[in-house]
N, C-alpha and C. Protein backbone atom coordinates (compact mmCIF):
# COMPACT_ATOMS: atom_id res chain seq x y z
N MET A 1 -2.14 41.55 101.22
CA MET A 1 -1.12 40.33 100.93
C MET A 1 -0.56 40.56 99.65
N THR A 2 -0.47 41.74 99.06
CA THR A 2 0.32 41.93 97.92
C THR A 2 1.53 42.56 98.23
N SER A 3 3.16 42.11 98.13
CA SER A 3 4.04 42.86 97.81
C SER A 3 4.97 42.51 97.14
N ILE A 4 5.77 43.00 96.75
CA ILE A 4 7.10 42.93 95.58
C ILE A 4 7.89 42.37 95.95
N ARG A 5 8.86 41.07 95.83
CA ARG A 5 9.85 40.81 96.29
C ARG A 5 10.68 41.12 95.24
N PRO A 6 12.56 41.37 95.44
CA PRO A 6 13.22 42.02 95.15
C PRO A 6 13.51 40.87 93.48
N GLY A 7 13.84 41.49 92.67
CA GLY A 7 13.83 40.54 91.55
C GLY A 7 12.92 39.89 90.93
N THR A 8 11.79 40.52 91.25
CA THR A 8 10.24 40.01 90.64
C THR A 8 9.84 41.48 89.93
N VAL A 9 8.95 41.17 88.67
CA VAL A 9 8.47 42.35 88.30
C VAL A 9 7.21 43.21 88.48
N ASP A 10 7.38 44.36 88.84
CA ASP A 10 6.61 45.01 89.70
C ASP A 10 4.98 44.89 88.51
N ARG A 11 4.03 43.93 89.31
CA ARG A 11 2.53 43.60 88.45
C ARG A 11 1.92 44.15 89.10
N ALA A 12 0.40 44.92 88.55
CA ALA A 12 -0.27 45.63 89.66
C ALA A 12 -1.24 44.34 89.88
N ALA A 13 -1.81 44.43 91.19
CA ALA A 13 -2.29 43.24 91.48
C ALA A 13 -3.87 43.09 90.95
N ASN A 14 -4.17 41.35 90.60
CA ASN A 14 -5.32 41.28 90.14
C ASN A 14 -6.33 41.20 91.25
N PRO A 15 -7.43 42.00 91.49
CA PRO A 15 -8.52 41.92 92.45
C PRO A 15 -9.46 40.55 92.56
N ALA A 16 -8.89 40.10 91.20
CA ALA A 16 -9.94 38.75 91.53
C ALA A 16 -8.86 37.61 92.25
N VAL A 17 -7.58 37.57 91.86
CA VAL A 17 -6.61 36.89 92.81
C VAL A 17 -6.72 37.24 94.17
N GLU A 18 -6.63 38.62 94.28
CA GLU A 18 -6.20 38.77 95.74
C GLU A 18 -7.67 38.60 96.67
N ALA A 19 -8.77 38.44 95.83
CA ALA A 19 -10.19 38.55 96.56
C ALA A 19 -10.16 36.78 96.83
N GLU A 20 -9.94 36.15 95.91
CA GLU A 20 -9.79 34.53 96.28
C GLU A 20 -8.78 34.12 97.32
N LEU A 21 -7.97 34.68 97.25
CA LEU A 21 -6.64 34.72 98.67
C LEU A 21 -7.04 34.88 100.34
N GLU A 22 -7.76 35.97 99.94
CA GLU A 22 -8.46 36.40 101.03
C GLU A 22 -9.57 35.35 101.92
N ARG A 23 -10.08 35.17 100.69
CA ARG A 23 -10.98 33.62 101.29
C ARG A 23 -10.73 32.50 101.34
N LEU A 24 -9.88 31.93 101.12
CA LEU A 24 -9.06 30.77 101.20
C LEU A 24 -9.16 30.73 102.76
N PRO A 25 -8.77 31.18 103.90
CA PRO A 25 -8.74 30.84 105.33
C PRO A 25 -10.16 30.37 105.95
N LYS A 26 -10.95 31.09 105.08
CA LYS A 26 -12.48 30.99 105.95
C LYS A 26 -13.33 29.48 104.97
N LEU A 27 -12.73 29.02 103.85
CA LEU A 27 -13.29 28.19 102.84
C LEU A 27 -12.87 27.02 104.14
N PRO A 28 -14.28 26.02 104.05
CA PRO A 28 -13.94 24.44 104.94
C PRO A 28 -13.31 23.71 103.76
N ILE A 29 -13.04 22.76 104.52
CA ILE A 29 -11.96 21.75 103.62
C ILE A 29 -12.85 21.45 102.63
N VAL A 30 -14.34 20.82 102.69
CA VAL A 30 -14.87 19.92 101.28
C VAL A 30 -14.63 21.29 100.08
N GLU A 31 -14.77 22.51 100.32
CA GLU A 31 -14.56 23.55 99.56
C GLU A 31 -13.43 23.16 98.82
N LEU A 32 -12.32 23.62 100.01
CA LEU A 32 -10.84 23.32 99.47
C LEU A 32 -10.17 22.33 98.78
N ARG A 33 -10.84 21.23 99.12
CA ARG A 33 -10.70 20.20 98.20
C ARG A 33 -10.97 20.31 96.90
N ARG A 34 -12.18 20.73 96.59
CA ARG A 34 -13.20 21.12 95.36
C ARG A 34 -12.11 21.93 94.29
N ARG A 35 -11.64 22.96 95.00
CA ARG A 35 -10.96 24.21 94.35
C ARG A 35 -9.71 23.39 94.01
N TYR A 36 -8.76 22.36 94.80
CA TYR A 36 -8.02 21.93 94.57
C TYR A 36 -7.82 21.21 93.24
N GLN A 37 -8.93 20.42 93.29
CA GLN A 37 -9.41 19.36 92.28
C GLN A 37 -9.47 20.07 91.16
N GLU A 38 -10.31 21.21 90.90
CA GLU A 38 -10.35 22.33 89.37
C GLU A 38 -9.31 22.77 89.19
N LEU A 39 -8.11 23.42 90.51
CA LEU A 39 -6.71 24.17 89.87
C LEU A 39 -5.60 22.79 89.52
N PHE A 40 -6.02 21.45 90.04
CA PHE A 40 -4.53 20.75 89.85
C PHE A 40 -4.97 20.10 88.98
N SER A 41 -6.22 19.37 88.60
CA SER A 41 -6.89 18.33 87.78
C SER A 41 -6.60 16.67 88.19
N ALA A 42 -6.98 17.31 89.86
CA ALA A 42 -6.34 16.10 90.12
C ALA A 42 -7.02 16.22 91.72
N GLY A 43 -7.43 14.95 92.24
CA GLY A 43 -7.77 15.26 93.77
C GLY A 43 -6.60 15.30 94.54
N PRO A 44 -6.57 16.09 95.58
CA PRO A 44 -5.57 16.28 96.73
C PRO A 44 -4.76 15.05 97.55
N PRO A 45 -3.68 15.15 97.41
CA PRO A 45 -3.61 13.64 98.51
C PRO A 45 -3.85 13.88 99.65
N LYS A 46 -4.42 12.75 100.26
CA LYS A 46 -5.04 12.23 101.41
C LYS A 46 -4.16 13.17 102.37
N ALA A 47 -2.88 13.33 102.39
CA ALA A 47 -2.20 13.91 103.81
C ALA A 47 -2.40 15.14 104.01
N PHE A 48 -2.78 15.96 103.08
CA PHE A 48 -3.02 17.16 102.80
C PHE A 48 -4.40 17.43 103.51
N GLY A 49 -3.75 18.48 105.03
CA GLY A 49 -4.80 19.03 105.61
C GLY A 49 -5.24 20.48 105.03
N PRO A 50 -6.00 21.12 105.64
CA PRO A 50 -6.57 22.30 105.27
C PRO A 50 -5.23 23.47 104.74
N ASP A 51 -4.10 23.41 106.02
CA ASP A 51 -3.18 24.67 105.81
C ASP A 51 -2.44 24.10 104.40
N LEU A 52 -1.94 22.89 103.92
CA LEU A 52 -1.42 22.61 102.71
C LEU A 52 -2.37 22.70 101.83
N LEU A 53 -3.61 22.52 102.07
CA LEU A 53 -4.42 22.48 100.83
C LEU A 53 -4.57 24.10 100.46
N ARG A 54 -4.63 25.16 101.32
CA ARG A 54 -4.96 26.37 101.51
C ARG A 54 -3.22 27.08 100.34
N ARG A 55 -2.03 26.53 101.19
CA ARG A 55 -0.89 27.09 100.55
C ARG A 55 -0.88 26.52 98.92
N SER A 56 -1.27 25.19 98.62
CA SER A 56 -1.23 24.53 97.34
C SER A 56 -2.10 25.90 96.32
N ILE A 57 -3.42 25.85 96.82
CA ILE A 57 -4.17 26.26 95.88
C ILE A 57 -4.02 27.94 95.82
N ALA A 58 -3.18 28.79 96.87
CA ALA A 58 -2.86 29.94 97.02
C ALA A 58 -1.85 29.97 95.77
N TYR A 59 -0.72 29.04 96.04
CA TYR A 59 0.61 29.22 94.96
C TYR A 59 -0.48 29.28 93.68
N ARG A 60 -0.76 28.27 93.22
CA ARG A 60 -1.57 27.60 91.92
C ARG A 60 -2.39 29.19 91.41
N VAL A 61 -2.99 29.61 92.07
CA VAL A 61 -3.80 30.49 91.53
C VAL A 61 -2.97 31.96 91.08
N GLN A 62 -1.96 31.93 92.37
CA GLN A 62 -1.20 33.39 91.94
C GLN A 62 -0.26 33.21 90.64
N GLU A 63 0.38 31.68 90.52
CA GLU A 63 0.82 31.14 89.29
C GLU A 63 0.40 31.67 88.16
N LYS A 64 -0.81 30.93 87.99
CA LYS A 64 -1.77 31.09 86.88
C LYS A 64 -1.93 32.84 86.43
N ALA A 65 -1.83 33.71 87.46
CA ALA A 65 -2.42 34.87 87.12
C ALA A 65 -0.99 35.75 87.25
N TYR A 66 0.05 35.04 87.43
CA TYR A 66 1.56 36.13 87.46
C TYR A 66 2.41 35.67 86.93
N GLY A 67 2.29 34.49 86.75
CA GLY A 67 3.42 33.43 86.42
C GLY A 67 4.10 32.51 87.30
N GLY A 68 4.94 31.55 86.45
CA GLY A 68 5.41 30.64 87.39
C GLY A 68 6.91 30.82 87.47
N LEU A 69 7.72 30.01 88.51
CA LEU A 69 9.03 30.18 88.39
C LEU A 69 9.72 30.60 87.05
N SER A 70 10.81 31.45 87.46
CA SER A 70 11.88 31.35 86.34
C SER A 70 12.41 30.32 85.94
N ARG A 71 13.26 30.46 84.74
CA ARG A 71 13.77 28.82 84.24
C ARG A 71 15.13 28.75 85.18
N GLU A 72 15.61 29.55 85.52
CA GLU A 72 16.91 29.18 86.30
C GLU A 72 16.46 28.65 87.91
N HIS A 73 15.31 29.13 88.39
CA HIS A 73 14.75 28.57 89.47
C HIS A 73 14.10 26.95 89.29
N GLN A 74 13.50 26.97 88.44
CA GLN A 74 12.83 25.60 87.83
C GLN A 74 14.14 24.29 87.96
N ARG A 75 15.34 25.06 86.85
CA ARG A 75 16.20 24.43 87.10
C ARG A 75 16.99 23.82 88.34
N LEU A 76 17.40 25.09 89.14
CA LEU A 76 17.78 24.36 90.30
C LEU A 76 16.98 23.65 91.31
N LEU A 77 15.44 23.55 91.48
CA LEU A 77 14.60 22.70 91.92
C LEU A 77 14.87 21.53 91.24
N ASP A 78 14.97 21.35 90.10
CA ASP A 78 15.16 20.30 89.22
C ASP A 78 16.35 19.28 89.46
N GLN A 79 17.60 20.37 89.72
CA GLN A 79 18.71 19.80 90.13
C GLN A 79 18.69 19.18 91.80
N LEU A 80 17.97 19.58 92.56
CA LEU A 80 17.52 19.42 94.07
C LEU A 80 17.14 17.99 94.16
N VAL A 81 16.03 17.98 92.99
CA VAL A 81 14.85 16.73 93.39
C VAL A 81 15.98 15.43 92.90
N LYS A 82 16.97 15.94 91.69
CA LYS A 82 17.84 14.79 91.32
C LYS A 82 18.64 14.08 92.05
N ALA A 83 19.26 15.22 93.00
CA ALA A 83 20.20 14.94 93.91
C ALA A 83 19.35 14.18 95.23
N ALA A 84 18.36 14.74 95.52
CA ALA A 84 17.65 14.05 96.85
C ALA A 84 17.34 12.61 96.17
N GLN A 85 17.00 12.35 95.04
CA GLN A 85 16.48 10.73 94.53
C GLN A 85 17.74 10.05 94.60
N ALA A 86 19.25 10.49 94.23
CA ALA A 86 20.16 9.87 94.41
C ALA A 86 20.64 9.62 95.59
N LYS A 87 20.20 10.35 96.63
CA LYS A 87 20.84 10.23 98.06
C LYS A 87 19.61 10.45 99.05
N PRO A 88 19.07 9.98 98.99
CA PRO A 88 17.46 10.01 99.99
C PRO A 88 17.87 10.15 101.35
N ASN A 89 18.54 10.10 101.92
CA ASN A 89 19.12 10.18 103.30
C ASN A 89 20.11 11.18 103.73
N GLY A 90 20.50 11.40 102.36
CA GLY A 90 21.69 12.46 102.07
C GLY A 90 21.44 13.85 102.24
N ARG A 91 22.50 14.86 102.65
CA ARG A 91 22.02 16.39 103.16
C ARG A 91 22.30 16.71 101.46
N LEU A 92 21.49 17.87 101.27
CA LEU A 92 21.66 18.31 99.98
C LEU A 92 22.51 20.01 100.77
N ASP A 93 23.24 20.28 99.61
CA ASP A 93 23.85 21.48 99.39
C ASP A 93 23.58 22.48 98.59
N LEU A 94 23.10 23.54 98.96
CA LEU A 94 22.85 24.60 97.65
C LEU A 94 23.47 25.12 97.12
N PRO A 95 23.79 25.74 95.84
CA PRO A 95 24.61 26.33 95.21
C PRO A 95 25.52 27.64 95.90
N ARG A 96 26.06 27.91 96.38
CA ARG A 96 26.63 28.84 96.57
C ARG A 96 26.42 30.06 96.18
N ARG A 97 26.13 31.49 96.14
CA ARG A 97 25.61 32.23 95.74
C ARG A 97 26.46 33.87 96.38
N ILE A 98 27.51 34.27 95.69
CA ILE A 98 28.42 35.31 96.05
C ILE A 98 28.24 36.18 95.39
N LYS A 99 27.88 37.45 96.64
CA LYS A 99 27.26 39.00 95.75
C LYS A 99 28.11 39.43 95.05
N PRO A 100 27.77 40.28 93.82
CA PRO A 100 28.87 40.66 93.16
C PRO A 100 29.11 42.07 93.81
N GLY A 101 30.39 42.14 93.71
CA GLY A 101 31.01 43.10 94.89
C GLY A 101 31.78 42.67 95.95
N SER A 102 31.56 40.94 95.90
CA SER A 102 32.31 40.63 97.44
C SER A 102 33.74 40.73 96.89
N GLU A 103 34.64 40.58 98.06
CA GLU A 103 36.41 40.61 97.20
C GLU A 103 36.95 39.02 97.77
N LEU A 104 36.97 38.53 97.34
CA LEU A 104 37.70 36.94 98.00
C LEU A 104 39.48 37.35 97.77
N VAL A 105 40.04 36.64 99.31
CA VAL A 105 41.17 37.24 99.22
C VAL A 105 41.80 35.80 99.58
N ARG A 106 43.36 35.46 98.84
CA ARG A 106 43.86 34.38 99.06
C ARG A 106 45.59 34.51 99.14
N THR A 107 45.64 33.80 100.22
CA THR A 107 47.11 34.29 100.44
C THR A 107 48.17 32.91 99.30
N TRP A 108 48.76 33.19 98.53
CA TRP A 108 49.52 31.81 97.73
C TRP A 108 51.17 32.42 97.73
N ASN A 109 52.20 31.74 98.39
CA ASN A 109 53.49 31.69 98.34
C ASN A 109 53.83 32.92 98.85
N ARG A 110 53.29 33.27 99.90
CA ARG A 110 53.56 34.67 100.79
C ARG A 110 52.96 35.94 100.09
N ARG A 111 52.23 35.68 98.95
CA ARG A 111 51.92 36.97 98.25
C ARG A 111 50.35 36.71 98.30
N THR A 112 49.50 37.77 98.82
CA THR A 112 47.95 37.84 98.82
C THR A 112 47.40 38.28 97.44
N TYR A 113 46.41 37.72 97.07
CA TYR A 113 45.58 37.79 95.86
C TYR A 113 44.37 38.15 96.24
N ARG A 114 43.90 39.07 95.56
CA ARG A 114 42.26 39.44 95.97
C ARG A 114 41.54 39.68 94.40
N VAL A 115 40.74 38.76 94.35
CA VAL A 115 39.21 39.07 93.38
C VAL A 115 38.21 39.42 93.45
N VAL A 116 37.82 40.61 92.49
CA VAL A 116 36.42 40.80 92.59
C VAL A 116 35.13 40.16 91.96
N VAL A 117 34.21 39.94 92.77
CA VAL A 117 32.92 39.21 92.37
C VAL A 117 32.23 40.23 91.64
N MET A 118 31.94 39.34 90.34
CA MET A 118 31.27 40.28 89.36
C MET A 118 29.78 40.29 88.67
N GLU A 119 28.97 40.80 88.25
CA GLU A 119 28.06 40.04 87.98
C GLU A 119 27.77 38.69 87.18
N LYS A 120 28.67 39.04 86.23
CA LYS A 120 29.15 37.83 85.29
C LYS A 120 30.83 37.47 85.31
N GLY A 121 31.14 36.81 86.22
CA GLY A 121 32.65 36.59 86.30
C GLY A 121 32.87 37.07 87.85
N PHE A 122 34.89 37.29 87.17
CA PHE A 122 35.36 37.66 88.30
C PHE A 122 36.67 38.53 88.07
N ALA A 123 36.94 39.75 88.26
CA ALA A 123 38.21 40.31 88.00
C ALA A 123 39.32 40.44 89.13
N TRP A 124 40.51 40.09 88.20
CA TRP A 124 41.71 40.23 89.16
C TRP A 124 42.81 40.90 88.08
N GLU A 125 43.62 41.77 88.75
CA GLU A 125 44.62 42.31 88.12
C GLU A 125 44.33 43.05 86.73
N GLY A 126 42.74 43.58 86.60
CA GLY A 126 42.44 44.05 85.81
C GLY A 126 41.97 43.22 84.45
N LYS A 127 41.76 42.02 84.65
CA LYS A 127 41.08 41.25 83.78
C LYS A 127 39.91 40.74 84.16
N THR A 128 38.90 40.20 83.49
CA THR A 128 37.68 39.72 83.55
C THR A 128 37.75 37.90 83.21
N PHE A 129 37.50 37.31 84.07
CA PHE A 129 37.76 35.89 83.75
C PHE A 129 36.47 34.89 84.52
N SER A 130 35.96 34.15 83.69
CA SER A 130 34.58 33.81 83.71
C SER A 130 34.68 32.81 84.77
N SER A 131 35.89 32.06 85.39
CA SER A 131 35.66 31.02 86.47
C SER A 131 37.02 31.33 87.28
N LEU A 132 36.31 30.87 88.72
CA LEU A 132 37.62 30.83 89.68
C LEU A 132 38.90 30.15 89.36
N SER A 133 38.37 28.91 88.84
CA SER A 133 39.48 28.00 88.32
C SER A 133 40.50 28.77 87.24
N GLU A 134 40.20 29.61 86.37
CA GLU A 134 40.73 30.09 85.60
C GLU A 134 42.24 30.69 86.30
N ILE A 135 41.54 31.51 87.73
CA ILE A 135 42.64 32.77 88.14
C ILE A 135 43.58 31.65 89.20
N ALA A 136 42.97 30.48 89.51
CA ALA A 136 43.74 30.09 90.52
C ALA A 136 44.78 29.42 89.20
N LEU A 137 44.70 29.08 88.23
CA LEU A 137 45.58 28.39 87.00
C LEU A 137 46.36 29.36 86.76
N GLU A 138 46.21 30.96 86.93
CA GLU A 138 47.30 31.97 86.43
C GLU A 138 47.99 32.02 87.81
N ILE A 139 47.41 31.55 89.06
CA ILE A 139 48.34 32.23 89.92
C ILE A 139 49.00 31.04 90.45
N THR A 140 49.04 29.70 90.57
CA THR A 140 49.50 28.48 90.99
C THR A 140 50.48 27.97 89.78
N GLY A 141 49.90 28.07 88.48
CA GLY A 141 50.24 27.50 87.15
C GLY A 141 50.09 25.98 87.31
N THR A 142 49.33 25.59 87.72
CA THR A 142 48.42 24.28 88.38
C THR A 142 47.16 24.53 88.39
N LYS A 143 46.38 23.47 87.67
CA LYS A 143 45.03 23.15 87.50
C LYS A 143 44.34 23.00 89.11
N TRP A 144 43.72 24.06 89.19
CA TRP A 144 42.93 23.99 90.85
C TRP A 144 41.26 24.03 90.87
N ASN A 145 40.54 23.26 91.60
CA ASN A 145 39.37 23.72 91.93
C ASN A 145 38.80 25.06 92.43
N GLY A 146 38.74 26.10 91.84
CA GLY A 146 38.75 27.62 91.85
C GLY A 146 38.14 27.48 93.53
N PRO A 147 37.22 27.57 93.56
CA PRO A 147 36.09 27.78 94.89
C PRO A 147 36.89 26.95 95.77
N ARG A 148 37.46 26.37 95.69
CA ARG A 148 38.11 25.22 96.75
C ARG A 148 39.56 26.17 97.02
N PHE A 149 40.14 26.53 95.91
CA PHE A 149 41.55 27.49 96.21
C PHE A 149 41.09 28.72 97.26
N PHE A 150 40.23 29.43 96.88
CA PHE A 150 39.74 30.36 97.55
C PHE A 150 39.10 30.34 98.45
N GLY A 151 39.13 28.87 99.65
CA GLY A 151 38.19 28.83 100.81
C GLY A 151 36.89 28.52 100.47
N LEU A 152 36.31 28.31 99.35
CA LEU A 152 34.56 28.59 99.29
C LEU A 152 33.93 26.97 99.13
N GLN A 153 34.85 25.98 100.02
CA GLN A 153 34.16 24.64 99.96
C GLN A 153 32.73 24.31 100.74
N SER A 154 32.10 23.62 100.69
CA SER A 154 30.78 23.61 101.21
C SER A 154 31.12 23.05 102.80
N ALA A 155 30.12 23.44 103.98
CA ALA A 155 30.17 22.70 105.10
C ALA A 155 30.48 21.60 105.49
N SER A 156 29.34 21.04 104.51
CA SER A 156 29.45 19.22 104.56
C SER A 156 30.74 18.33 103.86
N CYS A 157 31.67 18.79 103.04
CA CYS A 157 32.83 18.80 102.68
C CYS A 157 33.74 18.93 104.05
N ARG A 158 34.02 20.10 104.94
CA ARG A 158 34.70 19.98 105.92
C ARG A 158 34.15 19.20 106.48
N GLU A 159 33.21 19.09 107.29
CA GLU A 159 32.44 18.10 108.30
C GLU A 159 33.00 16.68 107.94
N GLN A 160 33.08 16.45 106.93
CA GLN A 160 33.13 14.85 106.51
C GLN A 160 34.45 14.49 106.22
N GLY A 161 35.68 15.71 106.23
CA GLY A 161 36.97 15.75 106.54
C GLY A 161 37.24 15.85 105.56
N GLY A 162 36.78 16.31 104.28
CA GLY A 162 37.06 16.22 102.66
C GLY A 162 38.35 17.20 102.87
N PRO A 163 38.82 17.18 101.42
CA PRO A 163 40.16 17.93 101.01
C PRO A 163 39.93 19.48 101.46
N LYS A 164 40.96 20.12 101.91
CA LYS A 164 41.19 21.18 102.57
C LYS A 164 42.05 22.16 102.02
N PRO A 165 41.64 23.45 101.58
CA PRO A 165 42.30 24.20 100.86
C PRO A 165 43.97 24.27 101.28
N HIS A 166 44.73 24.55 100.69
CA HIS A 166 46.07 24.45 100.73
C HIS A 166 46.59 25.96 101.73
N ASP A 167 47.19 26.20 102.41
CA ASP A 167 47.57 27.66 103.27
C ASP A 167 48.55 27.87 102.73
N GLY A 168 48.85 27.82 101.05
CA GLY A 168 50.17 28.27 100.39
C GLY A 168 51.35 27.98 100.93
N ARG A 169 52.03 27.50 100.00
CA ARG A 169 53.17 26.63 100.42
C ARG A 169 54.27 27.82 100.82
């Protein structure tokens, strides 16, 4: 049951944690509810069946042994919760993550511009910029939403007929 995900710290498996995780599928629901109460200091929601109880318990056991979410991931989840509360029936869009090394290509005024995505920022014409908006300003001379300028607008914006990137004057 041990696997190392990319980006995680390689920690030796804790035999006690592994043993508990292996026992979970065999526990009756009464025992699962008791263990949930121990771990969360509250009774499980009535809607939680055995599968969700097992998953919740497994997560909490591993969280206590190996640590929880990173601050970055916790912040992202908090943002998604706020967005969901603001638009209960709306669609949530995850922020795009462009892999370092990717190249963004944009034609503007019959000239093609190539920007390389770096770990921290963007490279264009031998300089490093912290945002695509800075590069769009350099190219056009006017303020632009950088991701929109480079065609990175979300699918939901396109589906709703929102603003589209210009095709280069």
